[in-house]
C-alpha atoms as a PDB file:
ATOM      1  CA  MET A   1     -59.451  83.334  -7.931  1.00  0.00           C
ATOM      2  CA  HIS A   2     -56.746  80.753  -7.203  1.00  0.00           C
ATOM      3  CA  ASP A   3     -54.689  80.784  -3.976  1.00  0.00           C
ATOM      4  CA  MET A   4     -51.162  81.525  -5.201  1.00  0.00           C
ATOM      5  CA  LEU A   5     -49.169  81.268  -1.968  1.00  0.00           C
ATOM      6  CA  PRO A   6     -49.141  77.443  -1.726  1.00  0.00           C
ATOM      7  CA  ARG A   7     -47.661  77.365  -5.233  1.00  0.00           C
ATOM      8  CA  LEU A   8     -44.902  79.792  -4.255  1.00  0.00           C
ATOM      9  CA  GLN A   9     -43.943  79.173  -0.643  1.00  0.00           C
ATOM     10  CA  ASN A  10     -41.691  76.111  -1.074  1.00  0.00           C
ATOM     11  CA  HIS A  11     -39.221  78.592  -2.409  1.00  0.00           C
ATOM     12  CA  THR A  12     -35.649  78.463  -3.617  1.00  0.00           C
ATOM     13  CA  PHE A  13     -35.211  82.247  -3.735  1.00  0.00           C
ATOM     14  CA  PRO A  14     -32.021  83.520  -2.019  1.00  0.00           C
ATOM     15  CA  ALA A  15     -32.171  85.203   1.388  1.00  0.00           C
ATOM     16  CA  ILE A  16     -32.060  88.991   1.233  1.00  0.00           C
ATOM     17  CA  ALA A  17     -31.775  91.788   3.817  1.00  0.00           C
ATOM     18  CA  ARG A  18     -33.020  95.366   3.998  1.00  0.00           C
ATOM     19  CA  ASP A  19     -30.531  98.234   3.813  1.00  0.00           C
ATOM     20  CA  ARG A  20     -32.677 101.161   4.954  1.00  0.00           C
ATOM     21  CA  ILE A  21     -36.121 102.705   4.600  1.00  0.00           C
ATOM     22  CA  ASP A  22     -36.359 105.878   2.564  1.00  0.00           C
ATOM     23  CA  THR A  23     -39.810 105.213   1.052  1.00  0.00           C
ATOM     24  CA  LEU A  24     -43.225 104.270   2.388  1.00  0.00           C
ATOM     25  CA  GLN A  25     -45.286 102.690  -0.370  1.00  0.00           C
ATOM     26  CA  LEU A  26     -48.883 103.320   0.658  1.00  0.00           C
ATOM     27  CA  ASN A  27     -51.559 101.218  -0.984  1.00  0.00           C
ATOM     28  CA  LEU A  28     -54.553 103.530  -0.621  1.00  0.00           C
ATOM     29  CA  GLY A  29     -57.019 100.783  -1.491  1.00  0.00           C
ATOM     30  CA  TYR A  30     -58.031  98.251  -4.093  1.00  0.00           C
ATOM     31  CA  LEU A  31     -60.824 100.270  -5.725  1.00  0.00           C
ATOM     32  CA  CYS A  32     -60.175 100.956  -9.416  1.00  0.00           C
ATOM     33  CA  ASN A  33     -62.276 102.151 -12.342  1.00  0.00           C
ATOM     34  CA  ILE A  34     -60.928  99.358 -14.605  1.00  0.00           C
ATOM     35  CA  SER A  35     -59.888  95.695 -14.273  1.00  0.00           C
ATOM     36  CA  CYS A  36     -56.632  94.638 -15.961  1.00  0.00           C
ATOM     37  CA  ILE A  37     -55.606  91.041 -16.638  1.00  0.00           C
ATOM     38  CA  HIS A  38     -52.051  91.673 -15.386  1.00  0.00           C
ATOM     39  CA  CYS A  39     -53.183  93.305 -12.112  1.00  0.00           C
ATOM     40  CA  HIS A  40     -51.353  91.816  -9.129  1.00  0.00           C
ATOM     41  CA  VAL A  41     -53.788  93.536  -6.751  1.00  0.00           C
ATOM     42  CA  ASN A  42     -56.995  92.148  -8.281  1.00  0.00           C
ATOM     43  CA  ALA A  43     -58.245  95.737  -8.191  1.00  0.00           C
ATOM     44  CA  GLY A  44     -61.525  96.747  -9.768  1.00  0.00           C
ATOM     45  CA  PRO A  45     -64.733  98.790  -9.533  1.00  0.00           C
ATOM     46  CA  ARG A  46     -66.303  96.471  -6.940  1.00  0.00           C
ATOM     47  CA  ARG A  47     -63.491  96.610  -4.383  1.00  0.00           C
ATOM     48  CA  ARG A  48     -64.277  98.678  -1.301  1.00  0.00           C
ATOM     49  CA  GLU A  49     -61.062  98.446   0.745  1.00  0.00           C
ATOM     50  CA  LEU A  50     -59.794 102.017   1.276  1.00  0.00           C
ATOM     51  CA  MET A  51     -57.166 103.514   3.600  1.00  0.00           C
ATOM     52  CA  SER A  52     -58.594 105.842   6.261  1.00  0.00           C
ATOM     53  CA  ARG A  53     -57.320 109.303   7.164  1.00  0.00           C
ATOM     54  CA  GLU A  54     -56.300 107.882  10.555  1.00  0.00           C
ATOM     55  CA  ILE A  55     -53.825 105.505   8.874  1.00  0.00           C
ATOM     56  CA  MET A  56     -52.597 108.317   6.616  1.00  0.00           C
ATOM     57  CA  GLU A  57     -51.962 110.533   9.650  1.00  0.00           C
ATOM     58  CA  LEU A  58     -49.984 107.708  11.209  1.00  0.00           C
ATOM     59  CA  ALA A  59     -47.920 107.376   8.014  1.00  0.00           C
ATOM     60  CA  LEU A  60     -47.097 111.079   8.156  1.00  0.00           C
ATOM     61  CA  LEU A  61     -46.001 110.720  11.777  1.00  0.00           C
ATOM     62  CA  VAL A  62     -43.815 107.706  10.939  1.00  0.00           C
ATOM     63  CA  ALA A  63     -42.222 109.621   8.065  1.00  0.00           C
ATOM     64  CA  GLN A  64     -41.395 112.504  10.392  1.00  0.00           C
ATOM     65  CA  ARG A  65     -40.086 110.235  13.157  1.00  0.00           C
ATOM     66  CA  ARG A  66     -37.868 108.167  10.825  1.00  0.00           C
ATOM     67  CA  ALA A  67     -36.896 110.906   8.331  1.00  0.00           C
ATOM     68  CA  ILE A  68     -38.569 109.066   5.441  1.00  0.00           C
ATOM     69  CA  GLY A  69     -38.547 111.387   2.445  1.00  0.00           C
ATOM     70  CA  THR A  70     -40.861 109.718  -0.100  1.00  0.00           C
ATOM     71  CA  PHE A  71     -44.454 108.499  -0.255  1.00  0.00           C
ATOM     72  CA  ASP A  72     -45.117 106.128  -3.156  1.00  0.00           C
ATOM     73  CA  LEU A  73     -48.905 106.056  -3.590  1.00  0.00           C
ATOM     74  CA  THR A  74     -50.460 103.058  -5.266  1.00  0.00           C
ATOM     75  CA  GLY A  75     -53.713 101.109  -5.441  1.00  0.00           C
ATOM     76  CA  GLY A  76     -56.116 100.312  -7.186  1.00  0.00           C
ATOM     77  CA  THR A  77     -56.528 103.836  -8.383  1.00  0.00           C
ATOM     78  CA  PRO A  78     -55.186 106.035  -5.550  1.00  0.00           C
ATOM     79  CA  GLU A  79     -57.270 109.063  -6.544  1.00  0.00           C
ATOM     80  CA  MET A  80     -60.476 107.120  -5.849  1.00  0.00           C
ATOM     81  CA  ASN A  81     -59.679 107.217  -2.133  1.00  0.00           C
ATOM     82  CA  PRO A  82     -61.690 110.194  -0.777  1.00  0.00           C
ATOM     83  CA  GLU A  83     -58.730 111.242   1.383  1.00  0.00           C
ATOM     84  CA  PHE A  84     -56.233 111.297  -1.501  1.00  0.00           C
ATOM     85  CA  ARG A  85     -56.110 115.077  -1.879  1.00  0.00           C
ATOM     86  CA  TRP A  86     -55.789 115.609   1.867  1.00  0.00           C
ATOM     87  CA  LEU A  87     -52.851 113.186   2.041  1.00  0.00           C
ATOM     88  CA  VAL A  88     -50.971 114.744  -0.879  1.00  0.00           C
ATOM     89  CA  SER A  89     -51.379 118.277   0.445  1.00  0.00           C
ATOM     90  CA  ALA A  90     -50.363 117.206   3.968  1.00  0.00           C
ATOM     91  CA  ALA A  91     -47.271 115.404   2.664  1.00  0.00           C
ATOM     92  CA  HIS A  92     -46.368 118.415   0.534  1.00  0.00           C
ATOM     93  CA  GLU A  93     -46.572 120.713   3.567  1.00  0.00           C
ATOM     94  CA  ARG A  94     -44.091 118.454   5.364  1.00  0.00           C
ATOM     95  CA  GLY A  95     -41.616 118.359   2.480  1.00  0.00           C
ATOM     96  CA  ILE A  96     -42.301 114.721   1.605  1.00  0.00           C
ATOM     97  CA  HIS A  97     -41.810 113.844  -2.047  1.00  0.00           C
ATOM     98  CA  VAL A  98     -44.969 112.241  -3.451  1.00  0.00           C
ATOM     99  CA  MET A  99     -45.064 109.713  -6.284  1.00  0.00           C
ATOM    100  CA  ASP A 100     -48.409 108.589  -7.660  1.00  0.00           C
ATOM    101  CA  ARG A 101     -48.927 105.429  -9.694  1.00  0.00           C
ATOM    102  CA  LEU A 102     -51.561 106.905 -11.936  1.00  0.00           C
ATOM    103  CA  ASN A 103     -54.069 105.007 -14.014  1.00  0.00           C
ATOM    104  CA  PRO A 104     -54.487 107.703 -16.711  1.00  0.00           C
ATOM    105  CA  THR A 105     -58.081 106.792 -17.549  1.00  0.00           C
ATOM    106  CA  ILE A 106     -59.200 108.173 -14.168  1.00  0.00           C
ATOM    107  CA  ILE A 107     -58.626 111.675 -15.570  1.00  0.00           C
ATOM    108  CA  GLU A 108     -61.673 111.203 -17.816  1.00  0.00           C
ATOM    109  CA  GLU A 109     -63.962 109.644 -15.194  1.00  0.00           C
ATOM    110  CA  PRO A 110     -66.896 111.850 -14.120  1.00  0.00           C
ATOM    111  CA  GLY A 111     -66.102 113.407 -10.769  1.00  0.00           C
ATOM    112  CA  TYR A 112     -62.334 113.185 -11.263  1.00  0.00           C
ATOM    113  CA  GLU A 113     -61.849 116.154 -13.566  1.00  0.00           C
ATOM    114  CA  TRP A 114     -59.589 117.657 -10.868  1.00  0.00           C
ATOM    115  CA  VAL A 115     -56.895 114.975 -11.078  1.00  0.00           C
ATOM    116  CA  ALA A 116     -54.517 116.424 -13.681  1.00  0.00           C
ATOM    117  CA  GLU A 117     -54.465 119.985 -12.362  1.00  0.00           C
ATOM    118  CA  PHE A 118     -54.212 118.833  -8.749  1.00  0.00           C
ATOM    119  CA  HIS A 119     -51.107 116.775  -9.483  1.00  0.00           C
ATOM    120  CA  ALA A 120     -49.472 119.680 -11.306  1.00  0.00           C
ATOM    121  CA  LYS A 121     -50.279 122.080  -8.444  1.00  0.00           C
ATOM    122  CA  TYR A 122     -48.433 119.921  -5.920  1.00  0.00           C
ATOM    123  CA  GLY A 123     -45.638 118.765  -8.219  1.00  0.00           C
ATOM    124  CA  VAL A 124     -46.528 115.090  -7.803  1.00  0.00           C
ATOM    125  CA  GLU A 125     -44.220 112.724  -9.681  1.00  0.00           C
ATOM    126  CA  LEU A 126     -46.376 110.570 -11.933  1.00  0.00           C
ATOM    127  CA  ILE A 127     -45.789 106.939 -12.865  1.00  0.00           C
ATOM    128  CA  VAL A 128     -48.417 106.308 -15.529  1.00  0.00           C
ATOM    129  CA  SER A 129     -49.474 102.891 -16.781  1.00  0.00           C
ATOM    130  CA  LEU A 130     -49.390 102.584 -20.577  1.00  0.00           C
ATOM    131  CA  PRO A 131     -48.617  98.914 -21.299  1.00  0.00           C
ATOM    132  CA  CYS A 132     -47.900  99.522 -24.979  1.00  0.00           C
ATOM    133  CA  TYR A 133     -47.892 102.186 -27.674  1.00  0.00           C
ATOM    134  CA  SER A 134     -50.217  99.897 -29.663  1.00  0.00           C
ATOM    135  CA  GLN A 135     -53.970 100.429 -29.251  1.00  0.00           C
ATOM    136  CA  ALA A 136     -54.739  96.753 -29.858  1.00  0.00           C
ATOM    137  CA  ASN A 137     -52.363  95.556 -27.119  1.00  0.00           C
ATOM    138  CA  VAL A 138     -53.503  98.116 -24.545  1.00  0.00           C
ATOM    139  CA  ASP A 139     -57.203  97.501 -25.107  1.00  0.00           C
ATOM    140  CA  GLU A 140     -56.667  93.729 -24.979  1.00  0.00           C
ATOM    141  CA  GLN A 141     -54.960  94.016 -21.606  1.00  0.00           C
ATOM    142  CA  ARG A 142     -56.950  96.809 -19.989  1.00  0.00           C
ATOM    143  CA  GLY A 143     -60.290  97.024 -21.817  1.00  0.00           C
ATOM    144  CA  ALA A 144     -61.855  98.638 -24.899  1.00  0.00           C
ATOM    145  CA  GLY A 145     -61.272 102.380 -25.159  1.00  0.00           C
ATOM    146  CA  VAL A 146     -58.491 102.478 -22.563  1.00  0.00           C
ATOM    147  CA  PHE A 147     -55.781 103.366 -25.088  1.00  0.00           C
ATOM    148  CA  ASP A 148     -57.617 106.398 -26.488  1.00  0.00           C
ATOM    149  CA  ALA A 149     -58.495 107.618 -22.986  1.00  0.00           C
ATOM    150  CA  SER A 150     -54.870 107.193 -21.909  1.00  0.00           C
ATOM    151  CA  ILE A 151     -53.575 109.164 -24.887  1.00  0.00           C
ATOM    152  CA  ARG A 152     -55.958 112.039 -24.177  1.00  0.00           C
ATOM    153  CA  ALA A 153     -54.889 112.014 -20.524  1.00  0.00           C
ATOM    154  CA  LEU A 154     -51.194 112.132 -21.425  1.00  0.00           C
ATOM    155  CA  GLN A 155     -51.806 115.026 -23.818  1.00  0.00           C
ATOM    156  CA  ARG A 156     -53.584 116.897 -21.036  1.00  0.00           C
ATOM    157  CA  LEU A 157     -50.706 116.243 -18.643  1.00  0.00           C
ATOM    158  CA  ASN A 158     -48.234 117.473 -21.279  1.00  0.00           C
ATOM    159  CA  ALA A 159     -50.285 120.666 -21.653  1.00  0.00           C
ATOM    160  CA  LEU A 160     -49.837 121.254 -17.912  1.00  0.00           C
ATOM    161  CA  GLY A 161     -46.063 120.867 -18.234  1.00  0.00           C
ATOM    162  CA  TYR A 162     -45.637 117.206 -17.350  1.00  0.00           C
ATOM    163  CA  GLY A 163     -42.864 115.424 -19.223  1.00  0.00           C
ATOM    164  CA  ARG A 164     -41.217 118.670 -20.339  1.00  0.00           C
ATOM    165  CA  PRO A 165     -37.637 118.992 -19.084  1.00  0.00           C
ATOM    166  CA  ASP A 166     -37.907 122.702 -18.263  1.00  0.00           C
ATOM    167  CA  ARG A 167     -40.989 122.394 -16.046  1.00  0.00           C
ATOM    168  CA  GLY A 168     -39.854 120.007 -13.307  1.00  0.00           C
ATOM    169  CA  LEU A 169     -42.991 117.851 -13.507  1.00  0.00           C
ATOM    170  CA  ALA A 170     -41.878 114.241 -13.905  1.00  0.00           C
ATOM    171  CA  LEU A 171     -43.976 111.980 -16.124  1.00  0.00           C
ATOM    172  CA  ASN A 172     -42.801 108.369 -16.311  1.00  0.00           C
ATOM    173  CA  LEU A 173     -44.599 105.614 -18.206  1.00  0.00           C
ATOM    174  CA  VAL A 174     -44.931 101.955 -17.241  1.00  0.00           C
ATOM    175  CA  TYR A 175     -44.891  98.996 -19.627  1.00  0.00           C
ATOM    176  CA  ASN A 176     -46.272  95.596 -18.598  1.00  0.00           C
ATOM    177  CA  PRO A 177     -46.156  92.557 -20.914  1.00  0.00           C
ATOM    178  CA  ASN A 178     -49.543  91.366 -22.158  1.00  0.00           C
ATOM    179  CA  GLY A 179     -48.652  87.714 -21.627  1.00  0.00           C
ATOM    180  CA  ALA A 180     -46.436  85.202 -19.872  1.00  0.00           C
ATOM    181  CA  PHE A 181     -43.026  86.599 -20.801  1.00  0.00           C
ATOM    182  CA  LEU A 182     -40.487  89.072 -19.477  1.00  0.00           C
ATOM    183  CA  PRO A 183     -40.380  92.688 -20.641  1.00  0.00           C
ATOM    184  CA  PRO A 184     -38.120  93.481 -23.597  1.00  0.00           C
ATOM    185  CA  PRO A 185     -34.959  95.538 -22.931  1.00  0.00           C
ATOM    186  CA  GLN A 186     -36.041  98.759 -21.313  1.00  0.00           C
ATOM    187  CA  GLU A 187     -33.679 101.075 -23.202  1.00  0.00           C
ATOM    188  CA  LYS A 188     -34.841  99.921 -26.646  1.00  0.00           C
ATOM    189  CA  LEU A 189     -38.478  99.997 -25.606  1.00  0.00           C
ATOM    190  CA  ARG A 190     -38.091 103.525 -24.196  1.00  0.00           C
ATOM    191  CA  ASP A 191     -36.746 104.722 -27.548  1.00  0.00           C
ATOM    192  CA  ASP A 192     -39.668 103.119 -29.390  1.00  0.00           C
ATOM    193  CA  TYR A 193     -42.201 104.708 -27.044  1.00  0.00           C
ATOM    194  CA  ARG A 194     -40.595 108.138 -27.373  1.00  0.00           C
ATOM    195  CA  ARG A 195     -40.516 108.022 -31.164  1.00  0.00           C
ATOM    196  CA  LEU A 196     -43.988 106.600 -31.760  1.00  0.00           C
ATOM    197  CA  LEU A 197     -45.857 108.534 -29.082  1.00  0.00           C
ATOM    198  CA  PHE A 198     -44.325 111.799 -30.268  1.00  0.00           C
ATOM    199  CA  ASP A 199     -44.743 111.114 -33.975  1.00  0.00           C
ATOM    200  CA  ASN A 200     -48.344 109.944 -33.651  1.00  0.00           C
ATOM    201  CA  PHE A 201     -49.671 111.992 -30.716  1.00  0.00           C
ATOM    202  CA  SER A 202     -47.055 114.703 -29.917  1.00  0.00           C
ATOM    203  CA  ILE A 203     -46.644 113.152 -26.436  1.00  0.00           C
ATOM    204  CA  VAL A 204     -43.416 113.579 -24.456  1.00  0.00           C
ATOM    205  CA  PHE A 205     -42.376 111.913 -21.199  1.00  0.00           C
ATOM    206  CA  ASN A 206     -39.320 111.610 -18.953  1.00  0.00           C
ATOM    207  CA  ASP A 207     -38.684 107.886 -18.612  1.00  0.00           C
ATOM    208  CA  LEU A 208     -40.143 104.436 -19.197  1.00  0.00           C
ATOM    209  CA  PHE A 209     -40.217 101.644 -16.610  1.00  0.00           C
ATOM    210  CA  ALA A 210     -40.515  98.055 -17.861  1.00  0.00           C
ATOM    211  CA  ILE A 211     -42.106  95.958 -15.102  1.00  0.00           C
ATOM    212  CA  ALA A 212     -42.554  92.181 -15.154  1.00  0.00           C
ATOM    213  CA  ASN A 213     -45.927  90.604 -14.456  1.00  0.00           C
ATOM    214  CA  MET A 214     -46.076  88.858 -11.085  1.00  0.00           C
ATOM    215  CA  PRO A 215     -47.562  85.324 -10.898  1.00  0.00           C
ATOM    216  CA  ILE A 216     -50.046  86.323  -8.191  1.00  0.00           C
ATOM    217  CA  GLN A 217     -53.681  87.420  -7.902  1.00  0.00           C
ATOM    218  CA  ARG A 218     -55.451  88.002 -11.251  1.00  0.00           C
ATOM    219  CA  PHE A 219     -52.411  87.325 -13.464  1.00  0.00           C
ATOM    220  CA  GLY A 220     -51.452  84.255 -11.447  1.00  0.00           C
ATOM    221  CA  SER A 221     -54.981  82.893 -11.814  1.00  0.00           C
ATOM    222  CA  TRP A 222     -54.845  83.554 -15.554  1.00  0.00           C
ATOM    223  CA  LEU A 223     -51.610  81.540 -15.751  1.00  0.00           C
ATOM    224  CA  VAL A 224     -53.196  78.661 -13.846  1.00  0.00           C
ATOM    225  CA  SER A 225     -56.337  78.688 -15.995  1.00  0.00           C
ATOM    226  CA  LYS A 226     -54.218  78.547 -19.160  1.00  0.00           C
ATOM    227  CA  GLY A 227     -51.987  75.765 -17.802  1.00  0.00           C
ATOM    228  CA  ARG A 228     -48.947  78.044 -18.023  1.00  0.00           C
ATOM    229  CA  PHE A 229     -48.131  78.750 -14.375  1.00  0.00           C
ATOM    230  CA  ASP A 230     -45.293  76.194 -14.096  1.00  0.00           C
ATOM    231  CA  ASP A 231     -43.780  77.218 -17.437  1.00  0.00           C
ATOM    232  CA  TYR A 232     -43.771  80.875 -16.432  1.00  0.00           C
ATOM    233  CA  MET A 233     -42.205  80.123 -13.051  1.00  0.00           C
ATOM    234  CA  ASN A 234     -39.529  77.925 -14.653  1.00  0.00           C
ATOM    235  CA  ALA A 235     -38.744  80.725 -17.084  1.00  0.00           C
ATOM    236  CA  LEU A 236     -38.390  83.252 -14.246  1.00  0.00           C
ATOM    237  CA  ARG A 237     -36.116  80.944 -12.250  1.00  0.00           C
ATOM    238  CA  GLY A 238     -34.022  80.207 -15.322  1.00  0.00           C
ATOM    239  CA  ALA A 239     -33.530  83.915 -16.037  1.00  0.00           C
ATOM    240  CA  HIS A 240     -32.541  84.806 -12.430  1.00  0.00           C
ATOM    241  CA  ARG A 241     -29.515  87.126 -12.192  1.00  0.00           C
ATOM    242  CA  ALA A 242     -27.867  87.333  -8.762  1.00  0.00           C
ATOM    243  CA  GLU A 243     -26.604  90.875  -9.385  1.00  0.00           C
ATOM    244  CA  ASN A 244     -30.203  92.130  -9.405  1.00  0.00           C
ATOM    245  CA  LEU A 245     -30.519  91.252  -5.709  1.00  0.00           C
ATOM    246  CA  ASN A 246     -28.512  94.361  -4.830  1.00  0.00           C
ATOM    247  CA  ARG A 247     -31.113  96.716  -6.321  1.00  0.00           C
ATOM    248  CA  VAL A 248     -34.521  95.209  -5.662  1.00  0.00           C
ATOM    249  CA  MET A 249     -37.044  97.686  -4.280  1.00  0.00           C
ATOM    250  CA  CYS A 250     -37.713  95.871  -0.997  1.00  0.00           C
ATOM    251  CA  ARG A 251     -34.249  96.813   0.256  1.00  0.00           C
ATOM    252  CA  ASN A 252     -35.207 100.449   0.803  1.00  0.00           C
ATOM    253  CA  LEU A 253     -38.990 100.604   1.188  1.00  0.00           C
ATOM    254  CA  VAL A 254     -41.833  99.242   3.269  1.00  0.00           C
ATOM    255  CA  SER A 255     -45.269  98.531   1.822  1.00  0.00           C
ATOM    256  CA  VAL A 256     -48.312  99.603   3.847  1.00  0.00           C
ATOM    257  CA  ASP A 257     -51.782  98.207   3.157  1.00  0.00           C
ATOM    258  CA  TYR A 258     -55.051 100.075   3.608  1.00  0.00           C
ATOM    259  CA  LEU A 259     -55.318  98.881   7.226  1.00  0.00           C
ATOM    260  CA  GLY A 260     -51.765  99.978   8.101  1.00  0.00           C
ATOM    261  CA  ASP A 261     -50.242  96.490   8.141  1.00  0.00           C
ATOM    262  CA  LEU A 262     -46.645  96.261   6.891  1.00  0.00           C
ATOM    263  CA  TYR A 263     -45.086  94.165   4.154  1.00  0.00           C
ATOM    264  CA  ASP A 264     -41.745  94.038   2.375  1.00  0.00           C
ATOM    265  CA  CYS A 265     -43.357  94.950  -0.962  1.00  0.00           C
ATOM    266  CA  ASP A 266     -46.753  95.363  -2.593  1.00  0.00           C
ATOM    267  CA  PHE A 267     -46.516  91.832  -3.996  1.00  0.00           C
ATOM    268  CA  ASN A 268     -45.984  90.314  -0.538  1.00  0.00           C
ATOM    269  CA  GLN A 269     -48.919  92.411   0.619  1.00  0.00           C
ATOM    270  CA  MET A 270     -51.165  90.656  -1.888  1.00  0.00           C
ATOM    271  CA  LEU A 271     -49.877  87.254  -0.712  1.00  0.00           C
ATOM    272  CA  LYS A 272     -50.225  88.258   2.971  1.00  0.00           C
ATOM    273  CA  ILE A 273     -46.539  87.562   3.724  1.00  0.00           C
ATOM    274  CA  PRO A 274     -45.887  89.898   6.699  1.00  0.00           C
ATOM    275  CA  LEU A 275     -42.891  92.195   7.024  1.00  0.00           C
ATOM    276  CA  GLY A 276     -39.705  90.176   7.451  1.00  0.00           C
ATOM    277  CA  GLY A 277     -41.546  86.933   6.761  1.00  0.00           C
ATOM    278  CA  ARG A 278     -42.842  86.932  10.330  1.00  0.00           C
ATOM    279  CA  THR A 279     -45.797  84.834  11.417  1.00  0.00           C
ATOM    280  CA  ASN A 280     -47.791  87.818  12.695  1.00  0.00           C
ATOM    281  CA  PRO A 281     -48.137  91.106  10.817  1.00  0.00           C
ATOM    282  CA  SER A 282     -46.476  94.326  11.944  1.00  0.00           C
ATOM    283  CA  HIS A 283     -48.332  97.631  11.887  1.00  0.00           C
ATOM    284  CA  LEU A 284     -47.386 101.201  11.030  1.00  0.00           C
ATOM    285  CA  ARG A 285     -47.549 102.140  14.708  1.00  0.00           C
ATOM    286  CA  ASP A 286     -44.693  99.660  15.303  1.00  0.00           C
ATOM    287  CA  LEU A 287     -42.445 101.900  13.189  1.00  0.00           C
ATOM    288  CA  LEU A 288     -42.835 104.823  15.577  1.00  0.00           C
ATOM    289  CA  ASP A 289     -40.417 103.374  18.112  1.00  0.00           C
ATOM    290  CA  GLY A 290     -39.724  99.750  17.255  1.00  0.00           C
ATOM    291  CA  THR A 291     -36.931  98.218  15.249  1.00  0.00           C
ATOM    292  CA  ILE A 292     -37.413  97.210  11.630  1.00  0.00           C
ATOM    293  CA  PRO A 293     -36.458  93.643  10.698  1.00  0.00           C
ATOM    294  CA  ARG A 294     -33.575  93.477   8.257  1.00  0.00           C
ATOM    295  CA  ARG A 295     -34.732  90.110   6.984  1.00  0.00           C
ATOM    296  CA  ILE A 296     -37.060  90.290   3.986  1.00  0.00           C
ATOM    297  CA  GLY A 297     -39.808  87.742   3.480  1.00  0.00           C
ATOM    298  CA  VAL A 298     -39.407  85.938   0.165  1.00  0.00           C
ATOM    299  CA  ALA A 299     -41.117  83.273  -1.944  1.00  0.00           C
ATOM    300  CA  ASP A 300     -40.756  82.135  -5.539  1.00  0.00           C
ATOM    301  CA  HIS A 301     -42.686  85.085  -6.983  1.00  0.00           C
ATOM    302  CA  CYS A 302     -39.587  87.140  -6.087  1.00  0.00           C
ATOM    303  CA  PHE A 303     -37.884  85.705  -9.174  1.00  0.00           C
ATOM    304  CA  GLY A 304     -40.115  88.101 -11.104  1.00  0.00           C
ATOM    305  CA  CYS A 305     -37.963  90.936  -9.715  1.00  0.00           C
ATOM    306  CA  THR A 306     -34.573  89.353 -10.476  1.00  0.00           C
ATOM    307  CA  ALA A 307     -35.153  87.645 -13.837  1.00  0.00           C
ATOM    308  CA  GLY A 308     -33.428  89.086 -16.896  1.00  0.00           C
ATOM    309  CA  GLN A 309     -32.900  92.837 -16.628  1.00  0.00           C
ATOM    310  CA  GLY A 310     -34.745  92.780 -13.297  1.00  0.00           C
ATOM    311  CA  SER A 311     -37.958  94.523 -12.364  1.00  0.00           C
ATOM    312  CA  SER A 312     -38.876  96.997  -9.656  1.00  0.00           C
ATOM    313  CA  CYS A 313     -41.332  99.831  -9.176  1.00  0.00           C
ATOM    314  CA  GLY A 314     -38.665 101.922 -10.927  1.00  0.00           C
ATOM    315  CA  GLY A 315     -38.331  99.558 -13.862  1.00  0.00           C
ATOM    316  CA  ALA A 316     -35.295  97.537 -14.950  1.00  0.00           C
ATOM    317  CA  LEU A 317     -32.416  96.998 -12.513  1.00  0.00           C
ATOM    318  CA  THR A 318     -29.593  96.158 -14.933  1.00  0.00           C
ATOM    319  CA  ALA A 319     -28.918  96.501 -18.623  1.00  0.00           C
ATOM    320  CA  THR A 320     -30.085  93.583 -20.750  1.00  0.00           C
ATOM    321  CA  THR A 321     -27.693  92.221 -23.327  1.00  0.00           C
ATOM    322  CA  HIS A 322     -28.680  88.559 -23.589  1.00  0.00           C
ATOM    323  CA  VAL A 323     -32.305  89.004 -24.690  1.00  0.00           C
ATOM    324  CA  GLU A 324     -33.172  90.018 -28.218  1.00  0.00           C
ATOM    325  CA  ALA A 325     -34.716  93.481 -28.478  1.00  0.00           C
ATOM    326  CA  MET A 326     -38.480  93.248 -28.853  1.00  0.00           C
ATOM    327  CA  SER A 327     -41.258  95.579 -29.927  1.00  0.00           C
ATOM    328  CA  CYS A 328     -44.342  95.589 -27.703  1.00  0.00           C
ATOM    329  CA  ALA A 329     -46.552  95.956 -30.757  1.00  0.00           C
ATOM    330  CA  ASN A 330     -45.130  92.832 -32.392  1.00  0.00           C
ATOM    331  CA  ILE A 331     -45.151  90.430 -29.433  1.00  0.00           C
ATOM    332  CA  ALA A 332     -47.114  87.267 -30.163  1.00  0.00           C
ATOM    333  CA  SER A 333     -48.600  86.490 -26.773  1.00  0.00           C
ATOM    334  CA  ALA A 334     -49.573  82.943 -27.685  1.00  0.00           C
ATOM    335  CA  ALA A 335     -45.989  81.681 -27.301  1.00  0.00           C
ATOM    336  CA  PRO A 336     -45.957  79.312 -24.308  1.00  0.00           C
ATOM    337  CA  THR A 337     -42.677  80.241 -22.614  1.00  0.00           C
ATOM    338  CA  LEU A 338     -40.465  83.248 -22.112  1.00  0.00           C
ATOM    339  CA  HIS A 339     -37.757  81.874 -24.376  1.00  0.00           C
ATOM    340  CA  GLU A 340     -40.098  80.961 -27.225  1.00  0.00           C
ATOM    341  CA  GLN A 341     -41.666  84.400 -26.840  1.00  0.00           C
ATOM    342  CA  ALA A 342     -38.324  86.117 -27.400  1.00  0.00           C
ATOM    343  CA  ARG A 343     -37.768  84.252 -30.657  1.00  0.00           C
ATOM    344  CA  CYS A 344     -41.127  85.213 -32.152  1.00  0.00           C
ATOM    345  CA  ALA A 345     -40.710  88.935 -31.489  1.00  0.00           C
ATOM    346  CA  SER A 346     -39.219  91.508 -33.798  1.00  0.00           C
ATOM    347  CA  GLY A 347     -37.525  94.813 -33.018  1.00  0.00           C
END
């Protein structure tokens, strides 16, 4: 695994400041049942870093003290943390809205048969990774059999009421490119997903989030090994849109790692850039009474959030009008740069 930070820290990214904190994004650990090429966490079955109940209890106390209304649970696969169910039920009791970044294949793993029904019971908002509606693209990116397992999981969630407008159970899908290029326009892609998933599998969902791949951890190392890191970074810088700075996710959340250390986002967490770009890390306990730095630590990977239509944990930040609409099933991932990629795609 290559060290990405030295390639990113001589940055030209604009300074940015935090507005508020209304969300704690809790990374419950790096353990995952699959290993994806685009993973910015380098998660996988051999990782053993997991958040303890003690840190979770501290997060609940911070949320109460600072009137933080949302927990955004991520990983790895959050459900593989043994304390996952305790945390969700405790947050629910305190009126905290819980979002879970769900890897749908976990629903079919032995020992995790409880996942779908548990989420429905507590009304957890689901953000489900499905990087394409094409089996070939999904299995290339995430592993053989992942697409079929994901489809079965989504059908099970639909049967429980997820994705149906009259049930109040939010089911949002996430698209990630399977190469070194920006996501296609989110609105067009959402329409394609809705049509093809319903026509082929009778699957419904609420929204689609198109999220750019970050040049860090496993994906960053892939770029380096293919000799495409500099091209990808140049493409991101060239597609930067200043208006996206107003809506990036780090302006209203704080990322918490499994040890309770604080970062401005999950990507900075993976690069070990502490909250506010400070030299020494801050900890959750510092949020009980201390002040929160308005300054946000940045490096050149941040262009991944502001390029094109923008990218956040909630998908695109602005409408895209200057990039040709693309179909995820027809993307030719061999194209060496973002701009060449756009030309070889068809909508």
